[in-house]
Each structure stands twice: as C-alpha cells, then as structure tokens.
Amino acid sequence: MNVNRRVARLLLAAVALAAGLATSAVAEEKSLLTADGTLYEVRSGSAIDLALSGASISPDDYFIEWTSRRQDGLVRMGIVPGTQSRNVKSGLNLAYDEASESLLLLWKEELSILNVLELGILKDGNWKISALLPNLGFAHAYNPQMRLSHVTVRWTGDDGETVTRDRSVLSIVWWEESQYAQARYAPIFLDEENFDFANVVVYDLPVLTGGGGPTSYDVPSAAYVFPSLHSDGPGGAILASFADLNRRKNVVVRITFPTDLGTPGENNITWMRRHIPIVGVVGESPLAPTAPVQIASMGTALGTGYRPTFYWRDADRLLYTRFSTAASGIR
C-alpha cells in the first residue's frame, strides 16, 4: 500500500475523531427481538446524548447503554461494563444465540489514530467484554459485521460412542488498514470457548484464497471498505463478500468448518483442525468503479451465481450498482 496514502488516511481519521470529540455525537441505536419476545436495545453516545448524570460521570464521557424488555413486563437496563471513557463507540452489531441464551454485542472503539473491535456477551444477567485487536502498528478497522450460524458436529466420546451436538459459530468480518488494506475474518466457537476470546484466531481473507500482498487504491473507497457476511442455506455455511485490492477483484467465498472431529485430544490431528476454516471461492467480479466516493454505509446482496449488488441511500433515493456482462452502472 502506498505509505503516503496510508498516512493521509490515518491523519484524516484523527481529524474526524477530533471533530467528533469537539461536538456531541448523535447517539447510535440498535435493537433485536428474540424468539421468546424479549426486546433488547443498545445505545452508544456521550453522557449528554444518553441523558446520563452522576458524580462519577463527565459530559465528555462516552458509554454504551443496554435495555431488555421481556413479555411479562420485566425491564432491565444498565451501562455495558468498561465502556465509560472518552473514546467514541460506534458500529453497533447485535445477535442472539438461543442455544446459550446469550446476547452478543460488537462495536468499534476509537483510540486516537487507531481503534479496536470490542465484543460483549450478556449471559445470565452478566456481561463479559473482550477486545479483538487489529494487526500491530497504527491499524484502523472499518465497518465490522457479525453473523451467527449453527452446524451439527460429531466426535467420539470416552465410551467410544458418537457424540452429536449443535455448534454456535460467531463470524466477524471487518476492513482493516495497517501494513496492507484488506478484509479480516474471525470465527468464534461459542460452545467451546466458554466465552473466553483470548485465543481467537484472526485471518486475512485474501490470504485464505491464496492471495494477499501489497495493496493500492484507484477506485472509490466505498468499493472496498464494506465487507459483508451472509448465510448460505441451513447447513451453517457462511458467505463472505470482500474486495481484494491486490488482485483488483471483489471476491465471494464460502466458509465452513469440519463437522467430523474424531477423538478429542492433542494427539489427534483431526481434532486439532476443528477450528480451521474451509474456504472456497464461489464468485469473482471486478471492483465496483461506480461506487460512491464517500458514504457512511453500504449494503451487499448476493444474487444468482453469488454476484453481489451493492446498494446505498442518497437522501431519499435508494441506489445500487452491480456487475454483469451487459452494461452496468448506478441505478
């Protein structure tokens, strides 16, 4: 990646952050309704945005506030532990794992000219917070997304009988700029990690497809900074759509994990490989030259042949662009 371009982008991020600290940010909100009718809501913002006050609260502090409302009328609320600081929190993502009865919250936290991704788990009324640190150096993460999937796995128990269990896998993707500019992917096995994410492995998506290496920009930023995750049928497979700036392609990959795990133990290579993703390329297309230069958010829809359609709002209009063998452009 061109060093001068990278430094310029980091300086622009620092200026944007300083501007955000100088004026009160608009509170960000996300909500989720579970199958049992419980409504979860989270909001991030400054103490002023969230109408918080108290002896230990400064107006310049930023928080994440959560609320749950059950169908029987019980309401619980509070501040997500460890979120009170002068650092802006944004990019809220919510998911709920019914198997473990856990609320999953992902967000991005700004730390000067770099940032980190934070993951919070609400289980049995208690929060556990972990950081998914980006690469070493002045890394900056953009537009995190997560998707929960479930897959049935089998292994051999102590008595020699086959054990079958449904596994919950939380997939997280984001765009990161550090040594290279690329999409990164982290799978978290909720049933096995016991909600301890210290050993989570983070992968560079271009490397998983046999690529990777130096990157450069000559297309609008919206053409590459919004990687996305999608479900691929009931079998638990995940689709990831991302830009590979080294190969100048938008790539769609299918991600699965081993389901036959063998006998548990460090001497069993099959068991030791159970967390390694199995990745196959299912679609490729040129980068989108007609994407907007700057935009706050962009969605991706995968159609026939895993061809992506990128869409965004412009005032009161919904615009999109997609690749086809015929003429294409913004509509």
Protein backbone atom coordinates (compact mmCIF):
# COMPACT_ATOMS: atom_id res chain seq x y z
CA MET A 1 0.00 0.00 0.00
CA ASN A 2 1.27 3.49 -0.78
CA VAL A 3 2.68 4.80 2.53
CA ASN A 4 1.78 8.44 1.84
CA ARG A 5 -1.82 7.48 1.05
CA ARG A 6 -1.98 5.40 4.25
CA VAL A 7 -0.58 8.20 6.41
CA ALA A 8 -3.02 10.66 4.86
CA ARG A 9 -5.97 8.38 5.62
CA LEU A 10 -4.84 7.96 9.23
CA LEU A 11 -4.46 11.72 9.64
CA LEU A 12 -7.94 12.23 8.21
CA ALA A 13 -9.27 9.66 10.70
CA ALA A 14 -7.58 11.55 13.54
CA VAL A 15 -9.07 14.86 12.35
CA ALA A 16 -12.52 13.29 12.10
CA LEU A 17 -12.19 11.86 15.60
CA ALA A 18 -11.08 15.22 16.99
CA ALA A 19 -14.05 16.89 15.36
CA GLY A 20 -16.33 14.27 16.85
CA LEU A 21 -14.94 14.90 20.33
CA ALA A 22 -15.33 18.63 19.93
CA THR A 23 -19.06 18.32 19.36
CA SER A 24 -21.58 15.92 20.81
CA ALA A 25 -22.06 12.84 18.61
CA VAL A 26 -25.52 11.62 17.71
CA ALA A 27 -26.40 8.54 19.73
CA GLU A 28 -26.36 5.29 17.76
CA GLU A 29 -29.08 2.72 18.46
CA LYS A 30 -29.69 -0.95 17.63
CA SER A 31 -32.48 -3.29 18.72
CA LEU A 32 -33.21 -7.01 18.45
CA LEU A 33 -36.33 -9.09 19.18
CA THR A 34 -35.71 -12.70 20.27
CA ALA A 35 -37.94 -15.71 19.61
CA ASP A 36 -39.34 -15.59 23.18
CA GLY A 37 -40.46 -11.98 22.69
CA THR A 38 -37.68 -10.24 24.63
CA LEU A 39 -36.69 -6.89 23.13
CA TYR A 40 -33.04 -5.86 23.53
CA GLU A 41 -31.93 -2.30 22.82
CA VAL A 42 -28.43 -0.79 22.92
CA ARG A 43 -27.41 2.85 22.50
CA SER A 44 -23.97 4.42 22.27
CA GLY A 45 -23.17 8.09 22.75
CA SER A 46 -21.92 10.71 25.15
CA ALA A 47 -23.33 11.23 28.62
CA ILE A 48 -25.31 14.16 27.19
CA ASP A 49 -26.67 12.06 24.31
CA LEU A 50 -27.84 9.35 26.71
CA ALA A 51 -29.06 11.77 29.40
CA LEU A 52 -26.69 10.27 32.00
CA SER A 53 -25.55 12.16 35.06
CA GLY A 54 -23.83 11.49 38.36
CA ALA A 55 -20.80 12.31 40.46
CA SER A 56 -18.54 9.94 38.50
CA ILE A 57 -19.87 10.91 35.05
CA SER A 58 -18.34 13.62 32.88
CA PRO A 59 -20.35 15.15 30.00
CA ASP A 60 -17.44 14.21 27.72
CA ASP A 61 -17.59 10.52 28.63
CA TYR A 62 -18.94 8.02 26.10
CA PHE A 63 -20.97 4.95 27.05
CA ILE A 64 -22.96 2.02 25.72
CA GLU A 65 -26.33 1.65 27.45
CA TRP A 66 -28.44 -1.54 27.24
CA THR A 67 -32.07 -2.38 27.98
CA SER A 68 -34.07 -5.62 27.90
CA ARG A 69 -37.88 -5.83 27.96
CA ARG A 70 -39.50 -9.22 28.49
CA GLN A 71 -43.07 -10.10 27.55
CA ASP A 72 -44.01 -10.41 31.25
CA GLY A 73 -43.16 -6.72 31.70
CA LEU A 74 -39.77 -7.15 33.41
CA VAL A 75 -37.36 -4.40 32.33
CA ARG A 76 -33.63 -4.46 32.97
CA MET A 77 -31.15 -1.79 31.97
CA GLY A 78 -27.67 -0.52 32.67
CA ILE A 79 -24.31 0.50 31.24
CA VAL A 80 -22.20 -2.12 29.48
CA PRO A 81 -19.24 -2.58 31.88
CA GLY A 82 -15.98 -0.96 30.86
CA THR A 83 -17.48 1.31 28.22
CA GLN A 84 -17.25 4.58 30.18
CA SER A 85 -14.33 6.50 28.65
CA ARG A 86 -13.52 9.46 26.39
CA ASN A 87 -13.40 7.06 23.40
CA VAL A 88 -16.20 7.16 20.83
CA LYS A 89 -18.10 3.86 20.37
CA SER A 90 -19.78 3.14 17.02
CA GLY A 91 -20.69 0.43 14.55
CA LEU A 92 -23.04 -1.43 16.90
CA ASN A 93 -23.96 -5.00 15.88
CA LEU A 94 -26.39 -7.27 17.76
CA ALA A 95 -27.09 -11.01 17.63
CA TYR A 96 -28.74 -13.51 19.96
CA ASP A 97 -27.67 -17.14 20.41
CA GLU A 98 -30.67 -19.17 21.56
CA ALA A 99 -28.55 -22.24 22.32
CA SER A 100 -26.64 -20.42 25.06
CA GLU A 101 -29.31 -17.76 25.73
CA SER A 102 -26.71 -15.06 25.18
CA LEU A 103 -26.86 -11.57 23.68
CA LEU A 104 -23.84 -10.73 21.50
CA LEU A 105 -22.77 -7.10 21.03
CA LEU A 106 -19.99 -5.97 18.69
CA TRP A 107 -18.73 -2.41 18.42
CA LYS A 108 -15.78 -0.31 17.31
CA GLU A 109 -13.94 1.89 19.81
CA GLU A 110 -11.77 4.79 18.68
CA LEU A 111 -8.33 5.18 20.28
CA SER A 112 -6.66 8.26 18.80
CA ILE A 113 -5.48 7.32 15.25
CA LEU A 114 -6.18 3.61 15.71
CA ASN A 115 -9.08 1.63 17.07
CA VAL A 116 -10.11 -1.80 18.32
CA LEU A 117 -13.14 -4.02 17.95
CA GLU A 118 -14.86 -4.97 21.20
CA LEU A 119 -17.16 -7.95 21.75
CA GLY A 120 -19.58 -8.12 24.67
CA ILE A 121 -21.57 -11.18 25.81
CA LEU A 122 -24.63 -10.83 28.07
CA LYS A 123 -25.38 -14.20 29.69
CA ASP A 124 -27.31 -14.90 32.89
CA GLY A 125 -27.51 -11.16 33.56
CA ASN A 126 -23.72 -10.64 33.45
CA TRP A 127 -21.54 -9.03 30.79
CA LYS A 128 -18.15 -10.29 29.62
CA ILE A 129 -16.09 -7.98 27.39
CA SER A 130 -13.13 -8.91 25.14
CA ALA A 131 -11.12 -6.98 22.56
CA LEU A 132 -10.40 -8.26 19.07
CA LEU A 133 -7.16 -6.39 18.49
CA PRO A 134 -6.25 -5.47 14.89
CA ASN A 135 -2.77 -6.01 13.45
CA LEU A 136 0.23 -4.46 15.14
CA GLY A 137 1.05 -0.84 14.29
CA PHE A 138 -1.31 2.05 13.58
CA ALA A 139 -4.16 -0.16 12.44
CA HIS A 140 -7.63 1.14 11.76
CA ALA A 141 -10.72 -1.07 11.50
CA TYR A 142 -13.80 -0.11 9.49
CA ASN A 143 -17.37 -1.36 9.22
CA PRO A 144 -17.41 -4.51 11.37
CA GLN A 145 -20.18 -7.05 10.80
CA MET A 146 -21.04 -10.31 12.53
CA ARG A 147 -23.28 -13.26 11.72
CA LEU A 148 -24.28 -16.23 13.85
CA SER A 149 -24.53 -19.71 12.34
CA HIS A 150 -25.20 -23.20 13.67
CA VAL A 151 -23.80 -26.51 12.49
CA THR A 152 -24.09 -30.08 13.75
CA VAL A 153 -20.74 -31.66 14.70
CA ARG A 154 -19.81 -35.20 15.73
CA TRP A 155 -16.93 -36.69 17.72
CA THR A 156 -16.07 -39.90 19.55
CA GLY A 157 -16.83 -39.89 23.27
CA ASP A 158 -14.89 -41.57 26.08
CA ASP A 159 -17.07 -44.66 25.80
CA GLY A 160 -16.46 -44.96 22.06
CA GLU A 161 -19.96 -43.81 21.16
CA THR A 162 -20.60 -40.99 18.70
CA VAL A 163 -21.49 -37.67 20.33
CA THR A 164 -23.56 -35.18 18.32
CA ARG A 165 -24.01 -31.51 19.18
CA ASP A 166 -25.18 -28.30 17.54
CA ARG A 167 -22.34 -25.77 17.49
CA SER A 168 -22.80 -22.00 17.56
CA VAL A 169 -20.22 -20.15 15.44
CA LEU A 170 -19.99 -16.37 15.53
CA SER A 171 -18.32 -14.99 12.39
CA ILE A 172 -16.93 -11.43 12.40
CA VAL A 173 -15.60 -9.53 9.40
CA TRP A 174 -14.20 -6.02 9.04
CA TRP A 175 -11.99 -3.90 6.79
CA GLU A 176 -8.59 -3.09 8.24
CA GLU A 177 -5.81 -0.78 7.15
CA SER A 178 -2.36 -1.44 8.60
CA GLN A 179 0.58 -2.87 6.65
CA TYR A 180 -1.92 -3.86 3.96
CA ALA A 181 -5.51 -2.77 3.37
CA GLN A 182 -7.68 -5.87 3.47
CA ALA A 183 -10.72 -7.63 4.87
CA ARG A 184 -10.17 -9.73 8.01
CA TYR A 185 -12.21 -12.57 9.46
CA ALA A 186 -12.52 -14.04 12.96
CA PRO A 187 -14.57 -17.17 13.81
CA ILE A 188 -15.58 -17.68 17.44
CA PHE A 189 -16.87 -21.05 18.66
CA LEU A 190 -19.25 -20.08 21.43
CA ASP A 191 -19.91 -23.58 22.75
CA GLU A 192 -16.21 -24.42 23.11
CA GLU A 193 -14.50 -21.16 24.02
CA ASN A 194 -16.63 -20.78 27.17
CA PHE A 195 -16.86 -17.11 26.19
CA ASP A 196 -13.10 -16.64 26.59
CA PHE A 197 -11.89 -14.97 23.41
CA ALA A 198 -8.20 -14.56 24.28
CA ASN A 199 -7.18 -17.26 21.77
CA VAL A 200 -9.39 -16.25 18.85
CA VAL A 201 -7.53 -16.55 15.52
CA VAL A 202 -7.94 -13.69 13.02
CA TYR A 203 -7.47 -14.43 9.31
CA ASP A 204 -6.68 -12.18 6.34
CA LEU A 205 -9.40 -13.08 3.84
CA PRO A 206 -7.22 -12.59 0.72
CA VAL A 207 -4.65 -15.00 2.19
CA LEU A 208 -7.36 -17.64 2.73
CA THR A 209 -7.98 -17.60 -1.03
CA GLY A 210 -4.30 -17.96 -1.89
CA GLY A 211 -3.66 -14.25 -2.40
CA GLY A 212 -2.62 -11.30 -0.28
CA GLY A 213 0.26 -8.87 -0.56
CA PRO A 214 0.78 -5.16 -1.33
CA THR A 215 -2.34 -3.12 -1.96
CA SER A 216 -3.16 0.22 -3.55
CA TYR A 217 -6.24 2.35 -4.25
CA ASP A 218 -7.56 3.76 -7.51
CA VAL A 219 -11.28 3.12 -7.02
CA PRO A 220 -13.78 4.86 -4.70
CA SER A 221 -13.39 3.81 -1.06
CA ALA A 222 -16.96 2.51 -0.93
CA ALA A 223 -15.91 -0.17 -3.44
CA TYR A 224 -13.77 -1.93 -0.83
CA VAL A 225 -14.32 -0.81 2.79
CA PHE A 226 -17.64 -2.66 3.30
CA PRO A 227 -17.04 -6.43 3.52
CA SER A 228 -20.17 -8.41 4.34
CA LEU A 229 -21.34 -11.77 5.71
CA HIS A 230 -24.32 -13.84 4.56
CA SER A 231 -25.87 -17.20 5.41
CA ASP A 232 -25.70 -19.92 2.74
CA GLY A 233 -28.57 -22.28 3.44
CA PRO A 234 -29.50 -24.27 6.56
CA GLY A 235 -26.22 -26.20 6.81
CA GLY A 236 -24.37 -23.46 8.69
CA ALA A 237 -22.12 -22.25 5.85
CA ILE A 238 -21.20 -18.56 5.73
CA LEU A 239 -20.58 -16.42 2.65
CA ALA A 240 -18.12 -13.53 2.84
CA SER A 241 -18.02 -10.82 0.17
CA PHE A 242 -14.90 -8.64 0.16
CA ALA A 243 -12.55 -6.64 -2.03
CA ASP A 244 -9.05 -7.97 -2.75
CA LEU A 245 -7.06 -4.85 -3.64
CA ASN A 246 -4.00 -6.89 -4.58
CA ARG A 247 -5.86 -8.87 -7.26
CA ARG A 248 -8.22 -5.99 -8.15
CA LYS A 249 -11.28 -8.22 -7.62
CA ASN A 250 -14.38 -8.42 -5.49
CA VAL A 251 -14.43 -11.98 -4.15
CA VAL A 252 -17.19 -14.10 -2.60
CA VAL A 253 -16.07 -17.10 -0.56
CA ARG A 254 -17.97 -19.91 1.16
CA ILE A 255 -16.69 -20.69 4.67
CA THR A 256 -17.37 -23.93 6.53
CA PHE A 257 -15.66 -25.89 9.31
CA PRO A 258 -15.01 -29.60 9.89
CA THR A 259 -18.02 -31.50 11.23
CA ASP A 260 -16.44 -34.92 11.89
CA LEU A 261 -13.99 -34.16 14.69
CA GLY A 262 -12.67 -37.61 15.56
CA THR A 263 -11.47 -38.31 19.10
CA PRO A 264 -10.73 -35.28 21.32
CA GLY A 265 -7.05 -34.91 22.17
CA GLU A 266 -3.90 -33.05 21.21
CA ASN A 267 -2.51 -36.18 19.52
CA ASN A 268 -5.40 -36.31 17.04
CA ILE A 269 -4.72 -34.10 14.02
CA THR A 270 -8.41 -34.24 13.01
CA TRP A 271 -9.45 -32.80 16.38
CA MET A 272 -6.73 -30.13 16.26
CA ARG A 273 -8.01 -28.93 12.88
CA ARG A 274 -11.62 -28.48 14.00
CA HIS A 275 -11.35 -24.65 14.12
CA ILE A 276 -9.57 -24.19 10.78
CA PRO A 277 -11.92 -22.68 8.17
CA ILE A 278 -12.54 -24.49 4.90
CA VAL A 279 -12.70 -21.73 2.28
CA GLY A 280 -13.71 -21.91 -1.36
CA VAL A 281 -14.13 -19.11 -3.89
CA VAL A 282 -17.67 -19.15 -5.34
CA GLY A 283 -17.69 -15.80 -7.16
CA GLU A 284 -15.41 -13.10 -8.54
CA SER A 285 -16.07 -9.78 -10.25
CA PRO A 286 -14.22 -6.51 -10.91
CA LEU A 287 -14.19 -3.86 -8.20
CA ALA A 288 -17.15 -1.51 -8.48
CA PRO A 289 -15.85 1.66 -10.24
CA THR A 290 -19.23 3.38 -9.92
CA ALA A 291 -19.49 3.10 -6.14
CA PRO A 292 -19.77 6.45 -4.31
CA VAL A 293 -16.54 8.11 -3.23
CA GLN A 294 -17.63 8.57 0.39
CA ILE A 295 -20.64 7.12 2.17
CA ALA A 296 -21.50 6.18 5.74
CA SER A 297 -22.84 2.71 4.99
CA MET A 298 -23.39 0.34 2.11
CA GLY A 299 -25.27 -2.96 1.91
CA THR A 300 -24.49 -6.04 -0.16
CA ALA A 301 -27.00 -8.53 -1.60
CA LEU A 302 -25.83 -11.76 -3.24
CA GLY A 303 -27.87 -12.96 -6.19
CA THR A 304 -27.67 -15.73 -8.78
CA GLY A 305 -24.15 -17.02 -9.19
CA TYR A 306 -23.16 -15.23 -5.97
CA ARG A 307 -22.96 -11.94 -7.87
CA PRO A 308 -23.00 -9.01 -5.44
CA THR A 309 -25.26 -5.99 -5.70
CA PHE A 310 -24.10 -3.00 -3.66
CA TYR A 311 -26.78 -0.56 -2.51
CA TRP A 312 -26.86 2.68 -0.50
CA ARG A 313 -29.08 5.65 0.26
CA ASP A 314 -28.62 9.10 -1.24
CA ALA A 315 -31.07 11.44 0.50
CA ASP A 316 -34.48 9.92 -0.32
CA ARG A 317 -33.19 7.65 -3.10
CA LEU A 318 -32.02 4.03 -2.95
CA LEU A 319 -29.17 3.49 -5.41
CA TYR A 320 -27.35 0.32 -6.41
CA THR A 321 -24.60 -0.96 -8.66
CA ARG A 322 -23.78 -4.49 -9.75
CA PHE A 323 -21.55 -6.31 -12.19
CA SER A 324 -22.98 -8.01 -15.26
CA THR A 325 -21.75 -8.95 -18.71
CA ALA A 326 -24.02 -6.23 -20.09
CA ALA A 327 -23.62 -2.52 -19.38
CA SER A 328 -23.72 -1.70 -15.69
CA GLY A 329 -23.76 1.42 -13.59
CA ILE A 330 -25.55 3.23 -10.80
CA ARG A 331 -29.34 2.94 -10.81
